[in-house]
Amino acid sequence: MPVDDSVRAHKGDTILCLNSIMKFVATGEDTNNGFAITEALHTAASDPPPHVHEHEDEAVYVLEGRMEATIGGITLSAGQGELIFLPRGVPHSLHTASDESRVLYLITPAGFENYFAELGEKVAAGSALPEPTAPDVERIIRTAAKYGCTILPPS
């Protein structure tokens, strides 16, 4: 396979999105739409509502802190060095179970990272989490639907 200009180092944008700081480590543009990797810094104010993805699987690899996930009614907990798999088509929710957590999200195939990019705003790399703000639920629901994700009512 010849190497061309599609093989390159990625220096991803950092955004503030849904009370999280997120850095795009790799996007679909970098991986021929095979996968995306996003690093995120969360608090409990970052917890997304329950939702289900139509198109992609996700994996959450915990770098620091503790995360909990409820997947199809089963709740799992993961700490540093552990991974939680979130299969497409199965409702799930995530919860930061420590003061802060830092995680890597693997999204496959790529595409859903664009949801975060659309909702977020660029910030400087290394930015700290600001005071939490109330999410615009209608905008979240509308934007998620564009990317094949259905926001579910709280359980």
N, C-alpha and C. Protein backbone atom coordinates (compact mmCIF):
# COMPACT_ATOMS: atom_id res chain seq x y z
N MET A 1 0.86 -1.18 0.00
CA MET A 1 0.00 0.00 0.00
C MET A 1 0.90 1.24 0.00
N PRO A 2 0.76 2.09 -0.96
CA PRO A 2 1.59 3.30 -0.98
C PRO A 2 1.18 4.28 0.11
N VAL A 3 2.16 5.00 0.62
CA VAL A 3 1.91 6.02 1.62
C VAL A 3 1.73 7.34 0.90
N ASP A 4 0.66 8.04 1.23
CA ASP A 4 0.41 9.34 0.59
C ASP A 4 0.09 10.37 1.64
N ASP A 5 -0.48 11.50 1.22
CA ASP A 5 -0.74 12.58 2.17
C ASP A 5 -1.87 12.27 3.14
N SER A 6 -2.55 11.12 2.99
CA SER A 6 -3.58 10.75 3.96
C SER A 6 -2.95 10.17 5.23
N VAL A 7 -1.67 9.83 5.18
CA VAL A 7 -0.96 9.32 6.36
C VAL A 7 -0.22 10.50 6.98
N ARG A 8 -0.69 10.92 8.14
CA ARG A 8 -0.11 12.12 8.75
C ARG A 8 -0.38 12.12 10.24
N ALA A 9 0.38 12.92 10.94
CA ALA A 9 0.12 13.10 12.36
C ALA A 9 -1.08 14.02 12.52
N HIS A 10 -1.89 13.76 13.51
CA HIS A 10 -3.09 14.57 13.74
C HIS A 10 -2.88 15.45 14.97
N LYS A 11 -3.16 16.69 14.82
CA LYS A 11 -3.14 17.62 15.96
C LYS A 11 -4.55 18.15 16.10
N GLY A 12 -5.34 17.43 16.87
CA GLY A 12 -6.77 17.68 16.94
C GLY A 12 -7.17 18.90 17.72
N ASP A 13 -8.32 19.42 17.35
CA ASP A 13 -8.92 20.55 18.05
C ASP A 13 -9.35 20.12 19.45
N THR A 14 -9.38 21.08 20.35
CA THR A 14 -9.93 20.90 21.68
C THR A 14 -11.19 21.73 21.78
N ILE A 15 -12.26 21.15 22.32
CA ILE A 15 -13.53 21.86 22.41
C ILE A 15 -14.10 21.73 23.81
N LEU A 16 -14.98 22.66 24.13
CA LEU A 16 -15.84 22.57 25.31
C LEU A 16 -17.20 22.13 24.78
N CYS A 17 -17.67 20.99 25.26
CA CYS A 17 -18.93 20.45 24.76
C CYS A 17 -19.66 19.75 25.90
N LEU A 18 -20.87 20.17 26.18
CA LEU A 18 -21.72 19.52 27.18
C LEU A 18 -20.99 19.38 28.52
N ASN A 19 -20.37 20.47 28.95
CA ASN A 19 -19.65 20.53 30.22
C ASN A 19 -18.45 19.59 30.29
N SER A 20 -17.90 19.24 29.15
CA SER A 20 -16.69 18.42 29.05
C SER A 20 -15.67 19.15 28.20
N ILE A 21 -14.39 18.90 28.48
CA ILE A 21 -13.32 19.33 27.58
C ILE A 21 -12.97 18.11 26.75
N MET A 22 -13.00 18.24 25.43
CA MET A 22 -12.76 17.12 24.54
C MET A 22 -11.68 17.49 23.53
N LYS A 23 -10.79 16.54 23.28
CA LYS A 23 -9.77 16.72 22.25
C LYS A 23 -9.96 15.63 21.21
N PHE A 24 -10.01 16.03 19.95
CA PHE A 24 -10.14 15.07 18.86
C PHE A 24 -8.75 14.50 18.56
N VAL A 25 -8.49 13.29 19.03
CA VAL A 25 -7.21 12.63 18.82
C VAL A 25 -7.12 12.13 17.39
N ALA A 26 -8.19 11.51 16.89
CA ALA A 26 -8.28 11.06 15.50
C ALA A 26 -9.74 11.18 15.09
N THR A 27 -9.96 11.65 13.88
CA THR A 27 -11.32 11.78 13.35
C THR A 27 -11.46 10.88 12.12
N GLY A 28 -12.68 10.79 11.63
CA GLY A 28 -12.92 10.03 10.42
C GLY A 28 -12.07 10.52 9.26
N GLU A 29 -11.81 11.79 9.23
CA GLU A 29 -10.96 12.36 8.19
C GLU A 29 -9.55 11.77 8.24
N ASP A 30 -9.09 11.45 9.44
CA ASP A 30 -7.75 10.89 9.63
C ASP A 30 -7.70 9.38 9.37
N THR A 31 -8.84 8.69 9.49
CA THR A 31 -8.85 7.23 9.50
C THR A 31 -9.68 6.61 8.39
N ASN A 32 -9.90 7.35 7.31
CA ASN A 32 -10.74 6.85 6.22
C ASN A 32 -12.10 6.41 6.75
N ASN A 33 -12.60 7.16 7.74
CA ASN A 33 -13.89 6.93 8.39
C ASN A 33 -13.98 5.60 9.14
N GLY A 34 -12.84 4.99 9.40
CA GLY A 34 -12.84 3.72 10.12
C GLY A 34 -13.17 3.87 11.59
N PHE A 35 -12.61 4.92 12.24
CA PHE A 35 -12.84 5.13 13.66
C PHE A 35 -12.49 6.56 14.01
N ALA A 36 -12.89 6.96 15.21
CA ALA A 36 -12.50 8.24 15.79
C ALA A 36 -12.11 7.99 17.23
N ILE A 37 -11.15 8.77 17.72
CA ILE A 37 -10.76 8.71 19.12
C ILE A 37 -10.83 10.12 19.68
N THR A 38 -11.51 10.24 20.80
CA THR A 38 -11.65 11.53 21.48
C THR A 38 -11.22 11.35 22.93
N GLU A 39 -10.39 12.28 23.42
CA GLU A 39 -10.03 12.30 24.83
C GLU A 39 -10.95 13.30 25.51
N ALA A 40 -11.48 12.94 26.67
CA ALA A 40 -12.43 13.83 27.34
C ALA A 40 -12.15 13.93 28.83
N LEU A 41 -12.36 15.12 29.35
CA LEU A 41 -12.31 15.39 30.79
C LEU A 41 -13.73 15.68 31.23
N HIS A 42 -14.22 14.89 32.21
CA HIS A 42 -15.61 14.98 32.66
C HIS A 42 -15.72 15.22 34.15
N THR A 43 -16.88 15.75 34.53
CA THR A 43 -17.38 15.70 35.91
C THR A 43 -18.81 15.16 35.81
N ALA A 44 -19.48 15.02 36.93
CA ALA A 44 -20.88 14.55 36.89
C ALA A 44 -21.76 15.50 36.07
N ALA A 45 -21.39 16.78 35.98
CA ALA A 45 -22.16 17.74 35.18
C ALA A 45 -22.04 17.43 33.69
N SER A 46 -21.13 16.54 33.32
CA SER A 46 -20.92 16.16 31.93
C SER A 46 -21.76 14.96 31.52
N ASP A 47 -22.44 14.32 32.46
CA ASP A 47 -23.16 13.08 32.16
C ASP A 47 -24.19 13.31 31.05
N PRO A 48 -24.11 12.50 29.98
CA PRO A 48 -25.11 12.63 28.92
C PRO A 48 -26.41 11.96 29.32
N PRO A 49 -27.50 12.34 28.70
CA PRO A 49 -28.76 11.63 28.97
C PRO A 49 -28.69 10.23 28.37
N PRO A 50 -29.55 9.32 28.82
CA PRO A 50 -29.60 7.99 28.19
C PRO A 50 -29.85 8.16 26.69
N HIS A 51 -29.19 7.31 25.90
CA HIS A 51 -29.32 7.42 24.45
C HIS A 51 -28.98 6.10 23.79
N VAL A 52 -29.25 6.01 22.50
CA VAL A 52 -28.93 4.81 21.72
C VAL A 52 -28.41 5.25 20.36
N HIS A 53 -27.30 4.63 19.94
CA HIS A 53 -26.67 4.93 18.65
C HIS A 53 -27.15 3.91 17.60
N GLU A 54 -27.49 4.41 16.44
CA GLU A 54 -27.91 3.56 15.34
C GLU A 54 -26.72 3.03 14.54
N HIS A 55 -25.67 3.86 14.40
CA HIS A 55 -24.61 3.55 13.44
C HIS A 55 -23.29 3.07 14.02
N GLU A 56 -22.98 3.40 15.27
CA GLU A 56 -21.62 3.15 15.74
C GLU A 56 -21.59 2.47 17.10
N ASP A 57 -20.50 1.73 17.31
CA ASP A 57 -20.15 1.20 18.61
C ASP A 57 -19.22 2.21 19.27
N GLU A 58 -19.22 2.20 20.61
CA GLU A 58 -18.31 3.06 21.37
C GLU A 58 -17.59 2.20 22.40
N ALA A 59 -16.38 2.61 22.71
CA ALA A 59 -15.65 2.03 23.84
C ALA A 59 -15.13 3.20 24.66
N VAL A 60 -15.21 3.06 25.98
CA VAL A 60 -14.74 4.10 26.90
C VAL A 60 -13.58 3.49 27.68
N TYR A 61 -12.38 4.04 27.47
CA TYR A 61 -11.19 3.58 28.18
C TYR A 61 -10.85 4.63 29.22
N VAL A 62 -10.83 4.23 30.50
CA VAL A 62 -10.63 5.17 31.59
C VAL A 62 -9.14 5.39 31.84
N LEU A 63 -8.71 6.64 31.70
CA LEU A 63 -7.33 7.03 31.97
C LEU A 63 -7.15 7.43 33.43
N GLU A 64 -8.14 8.16 33.97
CA GLU A 64 -8.12 8.62 35.36
C GLU A 64 -9.55 8.68 35.86
N GLY A 65 -9.75 8.42 37.15
CA GLY A 65 -11.07 8.52 37.74
C GLY A 65 -11.86 7.24 37.58
N ARG A 66 -13.18 7.37 37.66
CA ARG A 66 -14.08 6.22 37.58
C ARG A 66 -15.31 6.60 36.77
N MET A 67 -15.71 5.72 35.89
CA MET A 67 -16.92 5.89 35.09
C MET A 67 -17.86 4.73 35.36
N GLU A 68 -19.15 5.03 35.30
CA GLU A 68 -20.18 4.00 35.34
C GLU A 68 -20.99 4.08 34.06
N ALA A 69 -21.42 2.95 33.59
CA ALA A 69 -22.28 2.90 32.40
C ALA A 69 -23.42 1.94 32.67
N THR A 70 -24.61 2.34 32.28
CA THR A 70 -25.75 1.44 32.30
C THR A 70 -26.05 1.11 30.84
N ILE A 71 -25.92 -0.17 30.52
CA ILE A 71 -26.04 -0.65 29.14
C ILE A 71 -27.15 -1.68 29.11
N GLY A 72 -28.25 -1.34 28.46
CA GLY A 72 -29.37 -2.27 28.40
C GLY A 72 -29.83 -2.73 29.77
N GLY A 73 -29.76 -1.85 30.76
CA GLY A 73 -30.25 -2.16 32.09
C GLY A 73 -29.21 -2.74 33.03
N ILE A 74 -28.00 -3.01 32.55
CA ILE A 74 -26.93 -3.54 33.40
C ILE A 74 -25.94 -2.42 33.67
N THR A 75 -25.58 -2.19 34.95
CA THR A 75 -24.66 -1.13 35.31
C THR A 75 -23.27 -1.72 35.57
N LEU A 76 -22.27 -1.11 34.92
CA LEU A 76 -20.87 -1.50 35.06
C LEU A 76 -20.09 -0.31 35.57
N SER A 77 -18.98 -0.58 36.24
CA SER A 77 -18.10 0.47 36.74
C SER A 77 -16.69 0.17 36.26
N ALA A 78 -15.96 1.21 35.85
CA ALA A 78 -14.59 1.04 35.36
C ALA A 78 -13.70 2.13 35.92
N GLY A 79 -12.51 1.73 36.34
CA GLY A 79 -11.51 2.66 36.82
C GLY A 79 -10.33 2.69 35.88
N GLN A 80 -9.26 3.33 36.32
CA GLN A 80 -8.07 3.52 35.50
C GLN A 80 -7.62 2.20 34.88
N GLY A 81 -7.41 2.24 33.55
CA GLY A 81 -6.94 1.08 32.82
C GLY A 81 -8.02 0.10 32.42
N GLU A 82 -9.28 0.43 32.68
CA GLU A 82 -10.39 -0.47 32.33
C GLU A 82 -11.23 0.14 31.21
N LEU A 83 -11.93 -0.73 30.49
CA LEU A 83 -12.70 -0.33 29.32
C LEU A 83 -14.14 -0.78 29.45
N ILE A 84 -15.06 0.04 28.98
CA ILE A 84 -16.47 -0.31 28.89
C ILE A 84 -16.86 -0.25 27.41
N PHE A 85 -17.50 -1.31 26.91
CA PHE A 85 -17.95 -1.37 25.52
C PHE A 85 -19.43 -1.02 25.46
N LEU A 86 -19.79 -0.12 24.55
CA LEU A 86 -21.17 0.33 24.37
C LEU A 86 -21.60 -0.03 22.94
N PRO A 87 -22.28 -1.15 22.75
CA PRO A 87 -22.64 -1.57 21.39
C PRO A 87 -23.77 -0.73 20.79
N ARG A 88 -23.69 -0.54 19.50
CA ARG A 88 -24.76 0.18 18.79
C ARG A 88 -26.08 -0.55 18.97
N GLY A 89 -27.15 0.20 18.97
CA GLY A 89 -28.49 -0.39 19.08
C GLY A 89 -28.93 -0.72 20.50
N VAL A 90 -28.04 -0.52 21.48
CA VAL A 90 -28.37 -0.83 22.87
C VAL A 90 -28.40 0.47 23.67
N PRO A 91 -29.52 0.79 24.29
CA PRO A 91 -29.57 2.03 25.09
C PRO A 91 -28.52 2.02 26.19
N HIS A 92 -27.90 3.19 26.39
CA HIS A 92 -26.90 3.29 27.45
C HIS A 92 -26.85 4.71 28.00
N SER A 93 -26.28 4.80 29.18
CA SER A 93 -26.00 6.10 29.80
C SER A 93 -24.64 6.00 30.47
N LEU A 94 -24.03 7.15 30.68
CA LEU A 94 -22.71 7.21 31.32
C LEU A 94 -22.78 8.15 32.51
N HIS A 95 -21.97 7.84 33.52
CA HIS A 95 -21.92 8.68 34.71
C HIS A 95 -20.48 8.76 35.21
N THR A 96 -20.01 9.96 35.47
CA THR A 96 -18.71 10.16 36.09
C THR A 96 -18.87 9.89 37.58
N ALA A 97 -18.24 8.82 38.06
CA ALA A 97 -18.43 8.36 39.43
C ALA A 97 -17.30 8.82 40.35
N SER A 98 -16.51 9.78 39.90
CA SER A 98 -15.46 10.39 40.71
C SER A 98 -15.55 11.89 40.50
N ASP A 99 -14.78 12.68 41.23
CA ASP A 99 -14.85 14.13 41.06
C ASP A 99 -14.64 14.51 39.60
N GLU A 100 -13.64 13.92 38.98
CA GLU A 100 -13.36 14.10 37.56
C GLU A 100 -12.96 12.75 36.98
N SER A 101 -13.12 12.62 35.69
CA SER A 101 -12.59 11.46 34.99
C SER A 101 -11.99 11.94 33.68
N ARG A 102 -10.97 11.23 33.25
CA ARG A 102 -10.36 11.49 31.94
C ARG A 102 -10.41 10.17 31.21
N VAL A 103 -11.02 10.20 30.02
CA VAL A 103 -11.25 8.96 29.27
C VAL A 103 -10.90 9.15 27.80
N LEU A 104 -10.70 8.02 27.15
CA LEU A 104 -10.61 7.98 25.69
C LEU A 104 -11.87 7.30 25.18
N TYR A 105 -12.50 7.90 24.19
CA TYR A 105 -13.64 7.28 23.51
C TYR A 105 -13.17 6.79 22.15
N LEU A 106 -13.45 5.54 21.86
CA LEU A 106 -13.23 4.99 20.53
C LEU A 106 -14.61 4.84 19.91
N ILE A 107 -14.79 5.45 18.76
CA ILE A 107 -16.07 5.42 18.04
C ILE A 107 -15.81 4.75 16.70
N THR A 108 -16.58 3.68 16.40
CA THR A 108 -16.37 2.99 15.14
C THR A 108 -17.69 2.55 14.54
N PRO A 109 -17.93 2.83 13.26
CA PRO A 109 -17.10 3.66 12.41
C PRO A 109 -17.15 5.12 12.86
N ALA A 110 -16.29 5.90 12.27
CA ALA A 110 -16.23 7.33 12.58
C ALA A 110 -17.50 8.03 12.12
N GLY A 111 -17.68 9.24 12.62
CA GLY A 111 -18.81 10.08 12.21
C GLY A 111 -19.45 10.78 13.38
N PHE A 112 -19.61 10.06 14.49
CA PHE A 112 -20.31 10.66 15.63
C PHE A 112 -19.48 11.75 16.30
N GLU A 113 -18.18 11.76 16.08
CA GLU A 113 -17.36 12.85 16.61
C GLU A 113 -17.83 14.20 16.08
N ASN A 114 -18.48 14.19 14.92
CA ASN A 114 -19.00 15.43 14.33
C ASN A 114 -20.17 16.00 15.14
N TYR A 115 -20.88 15.15 15.85
CA TYR A 115 -21.92 15.60 16.77
C TYR A 115 -21.31 16.52 17.83
N PHE A 116 -20.21 16.06 18.44
CA PHE A 116 -19.54 16.86 19.46
C PHE A 116 -19.00 18.16 18.86
N ALA A 117 -18.43 18.06 17.68
CA ALA A 117 -17.88 19.25 17.02
C ALA A 117 -18.98 20.27 16.75
N GLU A 118 -20.15 19.79 16.34
CA GLU A 118 -21.26 20.70 16.04
C GLU A 118 -21.80 21.37 17.30
N LEU A 119 -21.86 20.65 18.40
CA LEU A 119 -22.39 21.22 19.64
C LEU A 119 -21.36 22.05 20.40
N GLY A 120 -20.08 21.74 20.22
CA GLY A 120 -19.04 22.36 21.03
C GLY A 120 -18.49 23.65 20.45
N GLU A 121 -17.60 24.25 21.24
CA GLU A 121 -16.89 25.44 20.80
C GLU A 121 -15.41 25.25 21.09
N LYS A 122 -14.57 25.70 20.17
CA LYS A 122 -13.13 25.52 20.34
C LYS A 122 -12.62 26.27 21.56
N VAL A 123 -11.69 25.62 22.27
CA VAL A 123 -11.00 26.22 23.41
C VAL A 123 -9.52 25.86 23.25
N ALA A 124 -8.69 26.51 24.03
CA ALA A 124 -7.25 26.24 24.00
C ALA A 124 -6.96 24.85 24.58
N ALA A 125 -5.99 24.17 24.01
CA ALA A 125 -5.55 22.89 24.57
C ALA A 125 -5.13 23.12 26.02
N GLY A 126 -5.47 22.17 26.88
CA GLY A 126 -5.12 22.29 28.29
C GLY A 126 -6.09 23.13 29.10
N SER A 127 -7.20 23.56 28.49
CA SER A 127 -8.19 24.36 29.21
C SER A 127 -8.79 23.56 30.36
N ALA A 128 -9.09 24.27 31.44
CA ALA A 128 -9.76 23.66 32.59
C ALA A 128 -11.27 23.67 32.36
N LEU A 129 -11.95 22.80 33.07
CA LEU A 129 -13.40 22.79 32.99
C LEU A 129 -13.96 24.05 33.65
N PRO A 130 -14.82 24.78 32.95
CA PRO A 130 -15.46 25.94 33.58
C PRO A 130 -16.62 25.49 34.47
N GLU A 131 -17.26 26.46 35.11
CA GLU A 131 -18.47 26.15 35.87
C GLU A 131 -19.50 25.53 34.93
N PRO A 132 -20.20 24.49 35.37
CA PRO A 132 -21.19 23.84 34.51
C PRO A 132 -22.32 24.79 34.12
N THR A 133 -22.85 24.56 32.93
CA THR A 133 -24.01 25.31 32.44
C THR A 133 -25.12 24.31 32.12
N ALA A 134 -26.35 24.79 32.13
CA ALA A 134 -27.49 23.94 31.79
C ALA A 134 -27.48 23.65 30.29
N PRO A 135 -27.64 22.39 29.90
CA PRO A 135 -27.63 22.06 28.48
C PRO A 135 -28.90 22.52 27.78
N ASP A 136 -28.77 22.79 26.50
CA ASP A 136 -29.91 23.11 25.65
C ASP A 136 -30.46 21.77 25.14
N VAL A 137 -31.39 21.20 25.88
CA VAL A 137 -31.88 19.85 25.62
C VAL A 137 -32.46 19.72 24.22
N GLU A 138 -33.23 20.69 23.79
CA GLU A 138 -33.83 20.61 22.45
C GLU A 138 -32.76 20.57 21.36
N ARG A 139 -31.71 21.37 21.53
CA ARG A 139 -30.62 21.37 20.55
C ARG A 139 -29.88 20.04 20.56
N ILE A 140 -29.66 19.48 21.75
CA ILE A 140 -29.00 18.18 21.86
C ILE A 140 -29.81 17.11 21.14
N ILE A 141 -31.11 17.06 21.38
CA ILE A 141 -31.99 16.07 20.75
C ILE A 141 -31.97 16.22 19.24
N ARG A 142 -32.10 17.45 18.78
CA ARG A 142 -32.13 17.72 17.34
C ARG A 142 -30.80 17.36 16.68
N THR A 143 -29.69 17.73 17.30
CA THR A 143 -28.38 17.46 16.72
C THR A 143 -28.07 15.97 16.76
N ALA A 144 -28.38 15.31 17.86
CA ALA A 144 -28.14 13.87 17.96
C ALA A 144 -28.88 13.11 16.86
N ALA A 145 -30.11 13.50 16.58
CA ALA A 145 -30.90 12.83 15.55
C ALA A 145 -30.23 12.90 14.18
N LYS A 146 -29.54 14.00 13.91
CA LYS A 146 -28.82 14.14 12.63
C LYS A 146 -27.73 13.08 12.48
N TYR A 147 -27.23 12.59 13.61
CA TYR A 147 -26.14 11.62 13.60
C TYR A 147 -26.60 10.22 13.98
N GLY A 148 -27.90 9.95 13.87
CA GLY A 148 -28.42 8.63 14.14
C GLY A 148 -28.41 8.22 15.60
N CYS A 149 -28.56 9.19 16.48
CA CYS A 149 -28.57 8.92 17.93
C CYS A 149 -29.89 9.43 18.49
N THR A 150 -30.57 8.58 19.23
CA THR A 150 -31.84 8.94 19.84
C THR A 150 -31.63 9.18 21.32
N ILE A 151 -32.00 10.38 21.78
CA ILE A 151 -31.94 10.71 23.21
C ILE A 151 -33.20 10.14 23.85
N LEU A 152 -33.01 9.41 24.94
CA LEU A 152 -34.11 8.75 25.62
C LEU A 152 -34.49 9.54 26.88
N PRO A 153 -35.71 9.35 27.37
CA PRO A 153 -36.08 10.01 28.62
C PRO A 153 -35.26 9.45 29.78
N PRO A 154 -35.05 10.25 30.81
CA PRO A 154 -34.32 9.75 31.99
C PRO A 154 -35.03 8.54 32.57
N SER A 155 -34.24 7.62 33.12
CA SER A 155 -34.86 6.40 33.69
C SER A 155 -35.31 6.65 35.11
